[in-house]
Amino acid sequence: MGPCIFCKIVNKEIPAQIVYEDDIALAFEDIEPHAPVHTVVIPRKHITTLLDAKEEDRYLLGHLVHAATTIAREKGIAERGFRIVINCNHEGGQRVYHLHLHLLGGRPLRSPFG
């Protein structure tokens, strides 16, 4: 099997509507949004699931959250509120096996989860 779809986005092999990019992370608009703001934040480094993150990935994980909050501010949803979601493995809702965060906002978000 070749690189995952998110690796292909990182490598600019397939297009995406990129809204944030630095040397550690990349963020793009979800193609099937579940809220008015639905941005996917990924590390450039391929990490399959949250469970595969290593001790040396601590900074990277924090950086992904920082990128998401930066995007929330840029999109004008920070003060109103937003949600950051990480799905892990099949029953957790993970569909692409490259660690990623979903930044959701722009409307009231319902709970409870599941």
N, C-alpha and C. Protein backbone atom coordinates (compact mmCIF):
# COMPACT_ATOMS: atom_id res chain seq x y z
N MET A 1 0.84 -1.18 0.00
CA MET A 1 0.00 0.00 0.00
C MET A 1 0.89 1.24 0.00
N GLY A 2 0.51 2.25 -0.78
CA GLY A 2 1.28 3.48 -0.86
C GLY A 2 1.01 4.38 0.32
N PRO A 3 1.53 5.59 0.25
CA PRO A 3 1.33 6.55 1.34
C PRO A 3 -0.14 6.85 1.56
N CYS A 4 -0.47 7.19 2.79
CA CYS A 4 -1.87 7.51 3.10
C CYS A 4 -2.26 8.84 2.44
N ILE A 5 -3.55 9.09 2.39
CA ILE A 5 -4.05 10.29 1.73
C ILE A 5 -3.52 11.56 2.39
N PHE A 6 -3.36 11.56 3.73
CA PHE A 6 -2.84 12.75 4.39
C PHE A 6 -1.37 12.96 4.08
N CYS A 7 -0.60 11.87 3.94
CA CYS A 7 0.80 12.01 3.51
C CYS A 7 0.86 12.60 2.11
N LYS A 8 -0.07 12.20 1.26
CA LYS A 8 -0.11 12.75 -0.10
C LYS A 8 -0.44 14.24 -0.08
N ILE A 9 -1.29 14.67 0.85
CA ILE A 9 -1.58 16.10 1.00
C ILE A 9 -0.32 16.83 1.47
N VAL A 10 0.36 16.28 2.48
CA VAL A 10 1.60 16.88 2.97
C VAL A 10 2.61 17.03 1.84
N ASN A 11 2.71 16.02 1.00
CA ASN A 11 3.68 16.02 -0.10
C ASN A 11 3.18 16.77 -1.34
N LYS A 12 1.99 17.37 -1.24
CA LYS A 12 1.39 18.15 -2.35
C LYS A 12 1.15 17.28 -3.58
N GLU A 13 0.89 15.99 -3.35
CA GLU A 13 0.58 15.08 -4.45
C GLU A 13 -0.89 15.13 -4.81
N ILE A 14 -1.72 15.54 -3.87
CA ILE A 14 -3.15 15.75 -4.14
C ILE A 14 -3.53 17.11 -3.53
N PRO A 15 -4.49 17.78 -4.14
CA PRO A 15 -4.83 19.12 -3.67
C PRO A 15 -5.67 19.09 -2.38
N ALA A 16 -5.55 20.16 -1.65
CA ALA A 16 -6.37 20.39 -0.46
C ALA A 16 -6.44 21.90 -0.26
N GLN A 17 -7.51 22.33 0.40
CA GLN A 17 -7.65 23.76 0.71
C GLN A 17 -6.89 24.02 2.02
N ILE A 18 -5.60 24.30 1.89
CA ILE A 18 -4.72 24.46 3.05
C ILE A 18 -4.96 25.83 3.68
N VAL A 19 -5.12 25.83 5.02
CA VAL A 19 -5.36 27.07 5.75
C VAL A 19 -4.24 27.38 6.74
N TYR A 20 -3.34 26.43 6.97
CA TYR A 20 -2.24 26.64 7.91
C TYR A 20 -1.12 25.67 7.51
N GLU A 21 0.11 26.17 7.63
CA GLU A 21 1.23 25.31 7.28
C GLU A 21 2.48 25.85 7.96
N ASP A 22 3.23 24.95 8.58
CA ASP A 22 4.55 25.28 9.10
C ASP A 22 5.42 24.03 8.99
N ASP A 23 6.57 24.02 9.62
CA ASP A 23 7.48 22.89 9.45
C ASP A 23 7.05 21.63 10.19
N ILE A 24 6.07 21.73 11.08
CA ILE A 24 5.62 20.59 11.87
C ILE A 24 4.21 20.13 11.48
N ALA A 25 3.34 21.07 11.15
CA ALA A 25 1.93 20.76 10.95
C ALA A 25 1.40 21.38 9.66
N LEU A 26 0.27 20.84 9.24
CA LEU A 26 -0.45 21.35 8.08
C LEU A 26 -1.93 21.21 8.41
N ALA A 27 -2.73 22.17 7.99
CA ALA A 27 -4.18 22.12 8.24
C ALA A 27 -4.92 22.46 6.96
N PHE A 28 -6.04 21.78 6.77
CA PHE A 28 -6.83 21.99 5.57
C PHE A 28 -8.31 21.78 5.90
N GLU A 29 -9.15 22.30 5.02
CA GLU A 29 -10.59 22.19 5.21
C GLU A 29 -11.05 20.76 4.94
N ASP A 30 -11.89 20.24 5.83
CA ASP A 30 -12.44 18.89 5.67
C ASP A 30 -13.35 18.88 4.44
N ILE A 31 -13.26 17.84 3.62
CA ILE A 31 -14.09 17.79 2.40
C ILE A 31 -15.52 17.34 2.68
N GLU A 32 -15.77 16.84 3.90
CA GLU A 32 -17.13 16.50 4.33
C GLU A 32 -17.38 17.15 5.69
N PRO A 33 -17.54 18.49 5.71
CA PRO A 33 -17.62 19.20 6.99
C PRO A 33 -18.87 18.85 7.80
N HIS A 34 -18.67 18.79 9.12
CA HIS A 34 -19.76 18.53 10.06
C HIS A 34 -20.15 19.78 10.83
N ALA A 35 -19.55 20.91 10.49
CA ALA A 35 -19.85 22.20 11.11
C ALA A 35 -19.40 23.28 10.13
N PRO A 36 -19.87 24.52 10.32
CA PRO A 36 -19.43 25.59 9.42
C PRO A 36 -17.90 25.72 9.35
N VAL A 37 -17.23 25.51 10.48
CA VAL A 37 -15.78 25.42 10.48
C VAL A 37 -15.44 23.97 10.80
N HIS A 38 -14.76 23.32 9.88
CA HIS A 38 -14.30 21.94 10.10
C HIS A 38 -12.96 21.82 9.40
N THR A 39 -11.92 22.01 10.19
CA THR A 39 -10.56 21.99 9.69
C THR A 39 -9.82 20.79 10.26
N VAL A 40 -9.05 20.13 9.44
CA VAL A 40 -8.26 18.97 9.85
C VAL A 40 -6.81 19.43 10.03
N VAL A 41 -6.25 19.13 11.20
CA VAL A 41 -4.87 19.52 11.52
C VAL A 41 -4.06 18.24 11.64
N ILE A 42 -2.98 18.15 10.86
CA ILE A 42 -2.17 16.93 10.84
C ILE A 42 -0.69 17.25 11.05
N PRO A 43 0.04 16.30 11.61
CA PRO A 43 1.49 16.48 11.62
C PRO A 43 2.05 16.11 10.25
N ARG A 44 3.14 16.74 9.87
CA ARG A 44 3.81 16.35 8.63
C ARG A 44 4.38 14.93 8.78
N LYS A 45 4.82 14.61 9.97
CA LYS A 45 5.35 13.28 10.27
C LYS A 45 4.19 12.29 10.31
N HIS A 46 4.34 11.17 9.66
CA HIS A 46 3.29 10.15 9.70
C HIS A 46 3.33 9.42 11.04
N ILE A 47 2.25 9.58 11.79
CA ILE A 47 2.00 8.83 13.02
C ILE A 47 0.64 8.20 12.80
N THR A 48 0.54 6.90 12.86
CA THR A 48 -0.68 6.21 12.46
C THR A 48 -1.88 6.55 13.34
N THR A 49 -1.74 6.41 14.65
CA THR A 49 -2.82 6.74 15.58
C THR A 49 -2.22 7.48 16.78
N LEU A 50 -3.07 8.01 17.62
CA LEU A 50 -2.60 8.66 18.84
C LEU A 50 -1.79 7.69 19.70
N LEU A 51 -2.16 6.42 19.67
CA LEU A 51 -1.44 5.41 20.44
C LEU A 51 -0.03 5.17 19.93
N ASP A 52 0.25 5.57 18.70
CA ASP A 52 1.57 5.37 18.11
C ASP A 52 2.52 6.54 18.38
N ALA A 53 2.02 7.60 19.00
CA ALA A 53 2.89 8.73 19.33
C ALA A 53 3.88 8.28 20.40
N LYS A 54 5.10 8.70 20.23
CA LYS A 54 6.19 8.32 21.14
C LYS A 54 6.52 9.48 22.08
N GLU A 55 7.36 9.19 23.05
CA GLU A 55 7.82 10.20 24.00
C GLU A 55 8.37 11.43 23.27
N GLU A 56 9.12 11.19 22.21
CA GLU A 56 9.72 12.31 21.48
C GLU A 56 8.70 13.12 20.67
N ASP A 57 7.45 12.67 20.61
CA ASP A 57 6.40 13.38 19.89
C ASP A 57 5.60 14.32 20.79
N ARG A 58 5.98 14.45 22.05
CA ARG A 58 5.23 15.32 22.97
C ARG A 58 5.12 16.74 22.44
N TYR A 59 6.22 17.31 21.98
CA TYR A 59 6.18 18.67 21.45
C TYR A 59 5.27 18.75 20.22
N LEU A 60 5.37 17.77 19.35
CA LEU A 60 4.55 17.73 18.14
C LEU A 60 3.06 17.73 18.51
N LEU A 61 2.68 16.92 19.50
CA LEU A 61 1.27 16.85 19.91
C LEU A 61 0.77 18.20 20.43
N GLY A 62 1.57 18.83 21.25
CA GLY A 62 1.21 20.16 21.74
C GLY A 62 1.14 21.18 20.62
N HIS A 63 2.03 21.05 19.67
CA HIS A 63 2.05 21.97 18.54
C HIS A 63 0.78 21.84 17.69
N LEU A 64 0.27 20.64 17.55
CA LEU A 64 -0.97 20.45 16.80
C LEU A 64 -2.13 21.19 17.47
N VAL A 65 -2.20 21.13 18.79
CA VAL A 65 -3.25 21.86 19.52
C VAL A 65 -3.04 23.36 19.35
N HIS A 66 -1.80 23.80 19.45
CA HIS A 66 -1.51 25.23 19.26
C HIS A 66 -1.92 25.68 17.85
N ALA A 67 -1.63 24.88 16.84
CA ALA A 67 -2.04 25.21 15.47
C ALA A 67 -3.56 25.32 15.39
N ALA A 68 -4.27 24.38 16.02
CA ALA A 68 -5.73 24.40 15.99
C ALA A 68 -6.29 25.66 16.65
N THR A 69 -5.73 26.07 17.78
CA THR A 69 -6.23 27.28 18.45
C THR A 69 -5.89 28.53 17.64
N THR A 70 -4.75 28.52 16.97
CA THR A 70 -4.39 29.63 16.08
C THR A 70 -5.42 29.75 14.96
N ILE A 71 -5.78 28.63 14.37
CA ILE A 71 -6.77 28.62 13.29
C ILE A 71 -8.13 29.07 13.81
N ALA A 72 -8.51 28.62 15.02
CA ALA A 72 -9.78 29.04 15.61
C ALA A 72 -9.84 30.56 15.74
N ARG A 73 -8.75 31.16 16.17
CA ARG A 73 -8.69 32.62 16.27
C ARG A 73 -8.81 33.26 14.89
N GLU A 74 -8.07 32.74 13.92
CA GLU A 74 -8.10 33.30 12.57
C GLU A 74 -9.48 33.20 11.93
N LYS A 75 -10.22 32.15 12.26
CA LYS A 75 -11.55 31.94 11.68
C LYS A 75 -12.65 32.63 12.48
N GLY A 76 -12.28 33.29 13.59
CA GLY A 76 -13.24 34.06 14.36
C GLY A 76 -14.17 33.23 15.25
N ILE A 77 -13.77 32.01 15.58
CA ILE A 77 -14.63 31.17 16.43
C ILE A 77 -14.07 30.97 17.83
N ALA A 78 -12.89 31.50 18.10
CA ALA A 78 -12.23 31.22 19.38
C ALA A 78 -13.07 31.70 20.57
N GLU A 79 -13.55 32.90 20.53
CA GLU A 79 -14.29 33.44 21.68
C GLU A 79 -15.67 32.83 21.82
N ARG A 80 -16.30 32.45 20.72
CA ARG A 80 -17.62 31.83 20.76
C ARG A 80 -17.55 30.40 21.25
N GLY A 81 -16.45 29.71 20.92
CA GLY A 81 -16.27 28.33 21.34
C GLY A 81 -16.06 27.41 20.16
N PHE A 82 -15.35 26.34 20.43
CA PHE A 82 -15.03 25.35 19.39
C PHE A 82 -14.72 24.03 20.07
N ARG A 83 -14.53 23.02 19.26
CA ARG A 83 -14.20 21.68 19.76
C ARG A 83 -13.01 21.16 18.96
N ILE A 84 -12.11 20.46 19.67
CA ILE A 84 -11.01 19.75 19.03
C ILE A 84 -11.22 18.28 19.33
N VAL A 85 -11.23 17.45 18.28
CA VAL A 85 -11.50 16.02 18.42
C VAL A 85 -10.35 15.23 17.81
N ILE A 86 -9.92 14.20 18.54
CA ILE A 86 -8.97 13.22 18.00
C ILE A 86 -9.65 11.86 18.09
N ASN A 87 -9.89 11.24 16.96
CA ASN A 87 -10.44 9.89 16.92
C ASN A 87 -9.28 8.90 16.89
N CYS A 88 -9.44 7.79 17.60
CA CYS A 88 -8.37 6.80 17.65
C CYS A 88 -8.93 5.41 17.38
N ASN A 89 -8.46 4.82 16.31
CA ASN A 89 -8.84 3.47 15.88
C ASN A 89 -10.30 3.39 15.46
N HIS A 90 -10.70 2.25 14.97
CA HIS A 90 -12.00 2.08 14.32
C HIS A 90 -13.18 2.45 15.21
N GLU A 91 -13.27 1.90 16.39
CA GLU A 91 -14.42 2.19 17.25
C GLU A 91 -14.41 3.62 17.76
N GLY A 92 -13.27 4.27 17.72
CA GLY A 92 -13.17 5.67 18.09
C GLY A 92 -13.51 6.61 16.94
N GLY A 93 -13.80 6.05 15.77
CA GLY A 93 -14.22 6.86 14.63
C GLY A 93 -13.10 7.24 13.67
N GLN A 94 -11.89 6.72 13.88
CA GLN A 94 -10.79 7.07 12.98
C GLN A 94 -10.98 6.37 11.64
N ARG A 95 -10.93 7.16 10.56
CA ARG A 95 -11.10 6.61 9.22
C ARG A 95 -9.83 6.72 8.39
N VAL A 96 -9.02 7.72 8.67
CA VAL A 96 -7.73 7.88 8.00
C VAL A 96 -6.66 7.61 9.05
N TYR A 97 -5.81 6.66 8.78
CA TYR A 97 -4.82 6.24 9.76
C TYR A 97 -3.52 7.04 9.61
N HIS A 98 -3.67 8.33 9.91
CA HIS A 98 -2.60 9.32 10.05
C HIS A 98 -3.15 10.24 11.12
N LEU A 99 -2.49 10.32 12.26
CA LEU A 99 -2.98 11.13 13.37
C LEU A 99 -3.47 12.48 12.88
N HIS A 100 -4.64 12.90 13.35
CA HIS A 100 -5.18 14.20 12.97
C HIS A 100 -6.17 14.70 14.01
N LEU A 101 -6.29 16.00 14.06
CA LEU A 101 -7.26 16.68 14.91
C LEU A 101 -8.33 17.29 14.03
N HIS A 102 -9.55 17.26 14.52
CA HIS A 102 -10.64 17.97 13.86
C HIS A 102 -10.94 19.22 14.69
N LEU A 103 -10.89 20.37 14.06
CA LEU A 103 -11.30 21.62 14.67
C LEU A 103 -12.70 21.92 14.17
N LEU A 104 -13.66 21.97 15.09
CA LEU A 104 -15.06 22.16 14.73
C LEU A 104 -15.62 23.39 15.43
N GLY A 105 -16.41 24.18 14.72
CA GLY A 105 -17.03 25.35 15.34
C GLY A 105 -17.88 26.09 14.34
N GLY A 106 -18.32 27.26 14.76
CA GLY A 106 -19.15 28.10 13.90
C GLY A 106 -20.64 27.92 14.13
N ARG A 107 -21.00 27.07 15.07
CA ARG A 107 -22.39 26.87 15.48
C ARG A 107 -22.35 26.17 16.85
N PRO A 108 -23.46 26.18 17.60
CA PRO A 108 -23.48 25.43 18.85
C PRO A 108 -23.27 23.93 18.55
N LEU A 109 -22.38 23.32 19.28
CA LEU A 109 -22.06 21.89 19.10
C LEU A 109 -22.77 21.09 20.18
N ARG A 110 -23.41 20.01 19.79
CA ARG A 110 -24.19 19.20 20.71
C ARG A 110 -23.33 18.20 21.47
N SER A 111 -23.78 17.84 22.63
CA SER A 111 -23.22 16.78 23.45
C SER A 111 -24.40 16.04 24.03
N PRO A 112 -24.32 14.86 24.52
CA PRO A 112 -23.09 14.12 24.76
C PRO A 112 -22.57 13.47 23.49
N PHE A 113 -21.34 13.02 23.57
CA PHE A 113 -20.71 12.36 22.43
C PHE A 113 -21.25 10.96 22.29
N GLY A 114 -21.12 10.40 21.09
CA GLY A 114 -21.49 9.01 20.85
C GLY A 114 -22.94 8.87 20.65
